[in-house]
C-alpha atoms as a PDB file:
ATOM      1  CA  MET A   1       0.000   0.000   0.000  1.00  0.00           C
ATOM      2  CA  SER A   2       1.437   3.366  -0.965  1.00  0.00           C
ATOM      3  CA  ASP A   3       1.695   6.349   1.342  1.00  0.00           C
ATOM      4  CA  ILE A   4      -0.821   8.969   0.186  1.00  0.00           C
ATOM      5  CA  TYR A   5       1.556  11.677   1.381  1.00  0.00           C
ATOM      6  CA  GLU A   6       4.544  10.470  -0.642  1.00  0.00           C
ATOM      7  CA  GLY A   7       5.700  13.409  -2.717  1.00  0.00           C
ATOM      8  CA  LYS A   8       2.943  15.589  -1.199  1.00  0.00           C
ATOM      9  CA  PRO A   9       4.255  16.922   2.115  1.00  0.00           C
ATOM     10  CA  PHE A  10       1.791  19.801   2.161  1.00  0.00           C
ATOM     11  CA  LEU A  11      -1.174  17.432   1.886  1.00  0.00           C
ATOM     12  CA  LYS A  12      -0.332  16.077   5.326  1.00  0.00           C
ATOM     13  CA  LEU A  13      -0.542  19.605   6.761  1.00  0.00           C
ATOM     14  CA  LEU A  14      -3.807  20.322   4.978  1.00  0.00           C
ATOM     15  CA  ASP A  15      -5.336  17.091   6.258  1.00  0.00           C
ATOM     16  CA  ALA A  16      -4.186  17.918   9.797  1.00  0.00           C
ATOM     17  CA  TYR A  17      -5.696  21.399   9.467  1.00  0.00           C
ATOM     18  CA  VAL A  18      -9.089  19.934   8.588  1.00  0.00           C
ATOM     19  CA  LEU A  19      -8.917  17.416  11.441  1.00  0.00           C
ATOM     20  CA  ASP A  20      -7.916  20.218  13.813  1.00  0.00           C
ATOM     21  CA  ALA A  21     -10.795  22.385  12.605  1.00  0.00           C
ATOM     22  CA  ILE A  22     -13.310  19.676  13.517  1.00  0.00           C
ATOM     23  CA  GLY A  23     -11.649  18.919  16.857  1.00  0.00           C
ATOM     24  CA  ALA A  24     -10.328  15.524  15.763  1.00  0.00           C
ATOM     25  CA  LEU A  25      -6.563  16.119  15.654  1.00  0.00           C
ATOM     26  CA  ASP A  26      -4.938  14.183  18.477  1.00  0.00           C
ATOM     27  CA  ALA A  27      -2.442  15.866  20.797  1.00  0.00           C
ATOM     28  CA  ASP A  28       0.465  13.670  19.665  1.00  0.00           C
ATOM     29  CA  SER A  29      -0.037  14.628  16.011  1.00  0.00           C
ATOM     30  CA  ASP A  30      -0.292  18.286  16.949  1.00  0.00           C
ATOM     31  CA  ALA A  31       2.939  18.058  18.979  1.00  0.00           C
ATOM     32  CA  THR A  32       4.698  16.321  16.089  1.00  0.00           C
ATOM     33  CA  LEU A  33       3.581  19.026  13.667  1.00  0.00           C
ATOM     34  CA  LYS A  34       4.715  21.760  16.067  1.00  0.00           C
ATOM     35  CA  ALA A  35       8.123  20.107  16.341  1.00  0.00           C
ATOM     36  CA  GLN A  36       8.397  20.042  12.546  1.00  0.00           C
ATOM     37  CA  GLU A  37       7.579  23.737  12.084  1.00  0.00           C
ATOM     38  CA  PRO A  38      11.202  24.779  11.400  1.00  0.00           C
ATOM     39  CA  ALA A  39      11.349  22.216   8.588  1.00  0.00           C
ATOM     40  CA  PHE A  40       8.012  23.463   7.243  1.00  0.00           C
ATOM     41  CA  HIS A  41       9.352  27.035   7.240  1.00  0.00           C
ATOM     42  CA  ALA A  42      12.264  25.952   5.086  1.00  0.00           C
ATOM     43  CA  MET A  43      10.213  23.606   2.896  1.00  0.00           C
ATOM     44  CA  PHE A  44       7.353  25.991   2.160  1.00  0.00           C
ATOM     45  CA  GLY A  45       9.067  29.359   2.565  1.00  0.00           C
ATOM     46  CA  ALA A  46       6.516  30.351   5.177  1.00  0.00           C
ATOM     47  CA  THR A  47       6.481  31.633   8.732  1.00  0.00           C
ATOM     48  CA  GLY A  48       4.402  31.007  11.821  1.00  0.00           C
ATOM     49  CA  ASP A  49       2.985  27.830  13.266  1.00  0.00           C
ATOM     50  CA  TRP A  50       1.881  24.930  11.091  1.00  0.00           C
ATOM     51  CA  ARG A  51      -1.732  26.165  11.023  1.00  0.00           C
ATOM     52  CA  SER A  52      -0.590  29.595   9.799  1.00  0.00           C
ATOM     53  CA  ILE A  53       1.485  27.919   7.104  1.00  0.00           C
ATOM     54  CA  VAL A  54      -1.642  26.173   5.795  1.00  0.00           C
ATOM     55  CA  VAL A  55      -3.655  29.395   5.897  1.00  0.00           C
ATOM     56  CA  GLN A  56      -0.895  31.339   4.093  1.00  0.00           C
ATOM     57  CA  ARG A  57      -0.268  28.731   1.437  1.00  0.00           C
ATOM     58  CA  MET A  58      -3.949  28.056   0.735  1.00  0.00           C
ATOM     59  CA  GLN A  59      -4.818  31.761   0.997  1.00  0.00           C
ATOM     60  CA  PHE A  60      -7.692  30.882   3.302  1.00  0.00           C
ATOM     61  CA  PRO A  61      -9.913  33.724   4.432  1.00  0.00           C
ATOM     62  CA  ALA A  62     -10.266  34.500   8.115  1.00  0.00           C
ATOM     63  CA  GLY A  63     -12.610  32.032   9.744  1.00  0.00           C
ATOM     64  CA  MET A  64     -11.846  29.089   7.463  1.00  0.00           C
ATOM     65  CA  ALA A  65     -11.390  26.659  10.361  1.00  0.00           C
ATOM     66  CA  GLY A  66     -14.785  27.718  11.708  1.00  0.00           C
ATOM     67  CA  ALA A  67     -16.377  27.225   8.296  1.00  0.00           C
ATOM     68  CA  ILE A  68     -14.930  23.711   8.056  1.00  0.00           C
ATOM     69  CA  ASN A  69     -16.223  22.965  11.544  1.00  0.00           C
ATOM     70  CA  GLU A  70     -19.680  24.171  10.536  1.00  0.00           C
ATOM     71  CA  VAL A  71     -19.730  21.783   7.557  1.00  0.00           C
ATOM     72  CA  TRP A  72     -18.691  18.946   9.895  1.00  0.00           C
ATOM     73  CA  THR A  73     -21.233  19.820  12.584  1.00  0.00           C
ATOM     74  CA  LYS A  74     -24.187  20.119  10.208  1.00  0.00           C
ATOM     75  CA  GLY A  75     -23.165  17.048   8.237  1.00  0.00           C
ATOM     76  CA  ARG A  76     -22.621  15.034  11.412  1.00  0.00           C
ATOM     77  CA  VAL A  77     -26.218  15.532  12.504  1.00  0.00           C
ATOM     78  CA  LYS A  78     -27.502  14.428   9.098  1.00  0.00           C
ATOM     79  CA  PHE A  79     -25.116  11.462   9.016  1.00  0.00           C
ATOM     80  CA  ILE A  80     -26.217  10.223  12.443  1.00  0.00           C
ATOM     81  CA  ALA A  81     -29.887  10.567  11.475  1.00  0.00           C
ATOM     82  CA  ALA A  82     -29.342   8.595   8.271  1.00  0.00           C
ATOM     83  CA  GLN A  83     -26.773   6.026   9.409  1.00  0.00           C
ATOM     84  CA  GLY A  84     -27.480   5.665  13.119  1.00  0.00           C
ATOM     85  CA  HIS A  85     -23.848   6.133  14.201  1.00  0.00           C
ATOM     86  CA  GLU A  86     -21.119   8.750  14.404  1.00  0.00           C
ATOM     87  CA  PRO A  87     -19.282   9.650  11.196  1.00  0.00           C
ATOM     88  CA  ASP A  88     -15.566   8.920  10.958  1.00  0.00           C
ATOM     89  CA  PRO A  89     -13.592  12.188  11.193  1.00  0.00           C
ATOM     90  CA  VAL A  90     -10.824  10.794   8.960  1.00  0.00           C
ATOM     91  CA  GLU A  91     -13.342   9.849   6.263  1.00  0.00           C
ATOM     92  CA  PHE A  92     -14.790  13.370   6.489  1.00  0.00           C
ATOM     93  CA  MET A  93     -11.311  14.888   6.200  1.00  0.00           C
ATOM     94  CA  ARG A  94     -10.446  12.819   3.133  1.00  0.00           C
ATOM     95  CA  SER A  95     -13.733  13.594   1.431  1.00  0.00           C
ATOM     96  CA  PHE A  96     -13.590  17.295   2.316  1.00  0.00           C
ATOM     97  CA  VAL A  97     -10.020  17.732   1.079  1.00  0.00           C
ATOM     98  CA  ASP A  98     -10.559  15.665  -2.077  1.00  0.00           C
ATOM     99  CA  THR A  99     -13.734  17.586  -2.929  1.00  0.00           C
ATOM    100  CA  ASN A 100     -12.568  21.107  -2.111  1.00  0.00           C
ATOM    101  CA  PHE A 101      -8.831  20.966  -2.740  1.00  0.00           C
ATOM    102  CA  PRO A 102      -8.105  18.430  -5.475  1.00  0.00           C
ATOM    103  CA  HIS A 103      -4.486  17.351  -5.345  1.00  0.00           C
END
């Protein structure tokens, strides 16, 4: 099985941003990303924390994380009503990124 992030280092940050926006990014992943910020600065020619790097590179408007969370929250209610169980945050992230930010 191939690594979906192979040759796409920014995709990993974008995915983490979406998971963070919906409250599903675990503390270990966040700590790992924070530790890698100096490498991200060099790699992407950006400044700030990893979240800021995503916002800068994607040219997101203010409030983008809140907008992503709103999509998750509204969709979650509909998903539970239709499926009878909680949606998978990782599935949401993949679908959201693939739909809105083709890579």
